Amino acid sequence: MTKLETHLWNCNLSCAEFYRNKSSSGWGARATQRVNVRVVAATNADLAPMVAEKKFRSDLYYRLNVFPIAVPPLRARRNDIPRLVRHFANSYARRDAGDDRSALEQVQRELIVEALRESKWVVGGADGAAARLRLKRTTLAYKIGKLGISRRSQWEFH
């Protein structure tokens, strides 16, 4: 279930009754059916203040908030981006029989160039691009060479 916080109050009521009664009836069905399910719900909204403002049902919040898992946003987990790109590029490549290497290299290039700009093109040291990317200085230097990144190439494209 996603974006449950944006559904209408009536939908929240239906979900709360479903969790409480452990039964469901399909759209237009006359009979209810007992179900035994586990529910995973996700949201990027802070539901506790919404419950306090009566914008989200407290009984539904209580049932959904049994085992909360807080995951930081992707912008705080930049090292996950290449893995995600690789995963999705591979799945699309299998489907389309294409090559995912160029997509991954483009994302890596953009991340490295951004880190280099933020560090004023300093690769090593505590405030260098390698530290920002959480890479060894030598690994970053290798990737810079492999991807053909230079200050000059960046000025040509921007």
Protein backbone atom coordinates (compact mmCIF):
# COMPACT_ATOMS: atom_id res chain seq x y z
CA MET A 1 0.00 0.00 0.00
CA THR A 2 1.40 3.37 -0.93
CA LYS A 3 0.39 6.96 -0.24
CA LEU A 4 -2.34 5.87 2.15
CA GLU A 5 -2.18 9.29 3.79
CA THR A 6 -3.56 10.91 0.64
CA HIS A 7 -6.66 8.72 0.38
CA LEU A 8 -10.00 10.04 1.42
CA TRP A 9 -11.19 9.63 5.00
CA ASN A 10 -13.75 7.01 3.84
CA CYS A 11 -10.98 4.92 2.30
CA ASN A 12 -9.05 5.17 5.57
CA LEU A 13 -12.20 3.95 7.34
CA SER A 14 -12.48 0.98 4.97
CA CYS A 15 -8.83 0.08 5.56
CA ALA A 16 -9.25 0.37 9.34
CA GLU A 17 -12.30 -1.92 9.25
CA PHE A 18 -10.42 -4.39 7.08
CA TYR A 19 -7.58 -4.59 9.63
CA ARG A 20 -9.94 -4.79 12.60
CA ASN A 21 -12.32 -7.43 11.15
CA LYS A 22 -9.78 -9.33 9.03
CA SER A 23 -12.41 -9.67 6.33
CA SER A 24 -13.03 -8.12 2.97
CA SER A 25 -15.68 -7.96 0.31
CA GLY A 26 -14.81 -7.26 -3.28
CA TRP A 27 -16.33 -4.33 -5.14
CA GLY A 28 -20.02 -5.09 -5.56
CA ALA A 29 -19.80 -8.39 -3.66
CA ARG A 30 -22.59 -9.33 -1.25
CA ALA A 31 -20.63 -11.60 1.05
CA THR A 32 -17.51 -10.87 3.06
CA GLN A 33 -14.55 -13.19 3.03
CA ARG A 34 -12.17 -13.84 5.93
CA VAL A 35 -8.54 -13.16 5.06
CA ASN A 36 -5.21 -13.79 6.73
CA VAL A 37 -2.76 -11.24 5.37
CA ARG A 38 0.27 -9.22 6.35
CA VAL A 39 0.27 -5.63 5.17
CA VAL A 40 3.25 -3.51 4.23
CA ALA A 41 2.42 0.18 3.96
CA ALA A 42 4.81 2.92 2.91
CA THR A 43 4.66 6.68 3.06
CA ASN A 44 7.00 9.62 3.06
CA ALA A 45 4.55 11.61 5.19
CA ASP A 46 4.85 12.00 8.94
CA LEU A 47 1.56 10.44 10.01
CA ALA A 48 1.73 11.29 13.72
CA PRO A 49 1.05 15.04 13.16
CA MET A 50 -1.66 14.11 10.65
CA VAL A 51 -3.35 12.01 13.33
CA ALA A 52 -3.13 14.95 15.77
CA GLU A 53 -4.70 17.25 13.15
CA LYS A 54 -7.40 14.61 12.49
CA LYS A 55 -6.31 14.25 8.87
CA PHE A 56 -5.53 10.55 9.35
CA ARG A 57 -7.46 8.03 11.40
CA SER A 58 -5.81 7.22 14.72
CA ASP A 59 -7.10 3.61 14.76
CA LEU A 60 -5.61 2.99 11.32
CA TYR A 61 -2.34 4.63 12.37
CA TYR A 62 -2.21 2.37 15.44
CA ARG A 63 -2.65 -0.75 13.29
CA LEU A 64 -0.13 0.32 10.66
CA ASN A 65 2.53 1.57 13.05
CA VAL A 66 3.30 -1.85 14.57
CA PHE A 67 6.82 -2.20 13.15
CA PRO A 68 7.95 1.08 11.60
CA ILE A 69 11.06 1.06 9.45
CA ALA A 70 12.63 4.45 8.82
CA VAL A 71 14.60 4.63 5.58
CA PRO A 72 16.57 7.77 4.78
CA PRO A 73 15.74 9.44 1.47
CA LEU A 74 17.78 8.49 -1.58
CA ARG A 75 19.44 11.94 -1.62
CA ALA A 76 21.07 10.92 1.68
CA ARG A 77 22.19 7.55 0.24
CA ARG A 78 24.04 8.58 -2.92
CA ASN A 79 26.14 5.42 -2.90
CA ASP A 80 22.95 3.43 -3.56
CA ILE A 81 22.26 5.25 -6.83
CA PRO A 82 24.74 3.30 -9.02
CA ARG A 83 23.38 0.01 -7.68
CA LEU A 84 19.81 1.09 -8.37
CA VAL A 85 20.73 2.29 -11.85
CA ARG A 86 22.50 -1.01 -12.51
CA HIS A 87 19.48 -2.98 -11.29
CA PHE A 88 16.92 -1.09 -13.36
CA ALA A 89 19.17 -0.83 -16.39
CA ASN A 90 19.77 -4.60 -16.24
CA SER A 91 16.06 -5.33 -15.99
CA TYR A 92 15.29 -3.03 -18.93
CA ALA A 93 18.27 -4.37 -20.87
CA ARG A 94 17.01 -7.92 -20.48
CA ARG A 95 13.59 -6.81 -21.63
CA ASP A 96 14.87 -4.69 -24.52
CA ALA A 97 18.10 -6.63 -25.20
CA GLY A 98 20.05 -3.37 -24.79
CA ASP A 99 23.21 -2.33 -22.94
CA ASP A 100 23.08 -0.81 -19.46
CA ARG A 101 26.74 0.19 -19.30
CA SER A 102 26.28 3.65 -20.81
CA ALA A 103 23.45 4.54 -18.41
CA LEU A 104 25.48 3.51 -15.38
CA GLU A 105 28.56 5.33 -16.62
CA GLN A 106 26.52 8.49 -17.22
CA VAL A 107 25.17 8.43 -13.65
CA GLN A 108 28.65 7.76 -12.25
CA ARG A 109 30.07 10.60 -14.34
CA GLU A 110 27.41 13.03 -13.08
CA LEU A 111 27.93 12.05 -9.43
CA ILE A 112 31.72 12.34 -9.70
CA VAL A 113 31.61 15.68 -11.52
CA GLU A 114 29.19 17.07 -8.93
CA ALA A 115 31.47 15.96 -6.08
CA LEU A 116 34.49 17.43 -7.87
CA ARG A 117 32.73 20.76 -8.34
CA GLU A 118 31.64 20.85 -4.68
CA SER A 119 35.23 20.15 -3.60
CA LYS A 120 36.68 22.68 -6.08
CA TRP A 121 38.25 19.77 -8.02
CA VAL A 122 40.21 18.48 -5.02
CA VAL A 123 40.25 14.68 -5.19
CA GLY A 124 41.87 13.64 -1.89
CA GLY A 125 41.76 14.89 1.68
CA ALA A 126 38.99 15.27 4.24
CA ASP A 127 36.99 17.71 2.10
CA GLY A 128 37.91 16.18 -1.26
CA ALA A 129 35.62 14.50 -3.76
CA ALA A 130 36.73 11.00 -2.70
CA ALA A 131 35.61 11.65 0.88
CA ARG A 132 32.30 13.09 -0.34
CA LEU A 133 31.68 9.97 -2.43
CA ARG A 134 33.01 7.66 0.31
CA LEU A 135 35.58 6.21 -2.06
CA LYS A 136 39.32 5.65 -1.78
CA ARG A 137 41.28 8.43 -3.48
CA THR A 138 42.92 5.92 -5.80
CA THR A 139 39.54 4.40 -6.75
CA LEU A 140 38.15 7.81 -7.59
CA ALA A 141 41.27 8.70 -9.59
CA TYR A 142 40.85 5.47 -11.58
CA LYS A 143 37.17 6.21 -12.28
CA ILE A 144 37.95 9.79 -13.31
CA GLY A 145 40.44 8.45 -15.86
CA LYS A 146 38.19 5.63 -17.04
CA LEU A 147 35.23 7.96 -17.57
CA GLY A 148 37.38 10.63 -19.23
CA ILE A 149 36.48 13.33 -16.73
CA SER A 150 38.54 16.50 -16.77
CA ARG A 151 37.96 20.15 -15.94
CA ARG A 152 38.33 20.99 -19.59
CA SER A 153 35.67 18.46 -20.68
CA GLN A 154 33.26 19.98 -18.17
CA TRP A 155 33.75 23.50 -19.51
CA GLU A 156 33.08 22.32 -23.05
CA PHE A 157 29.63 20.95 -22.16
CA HIS A 158 28.41 23.67 -19.77
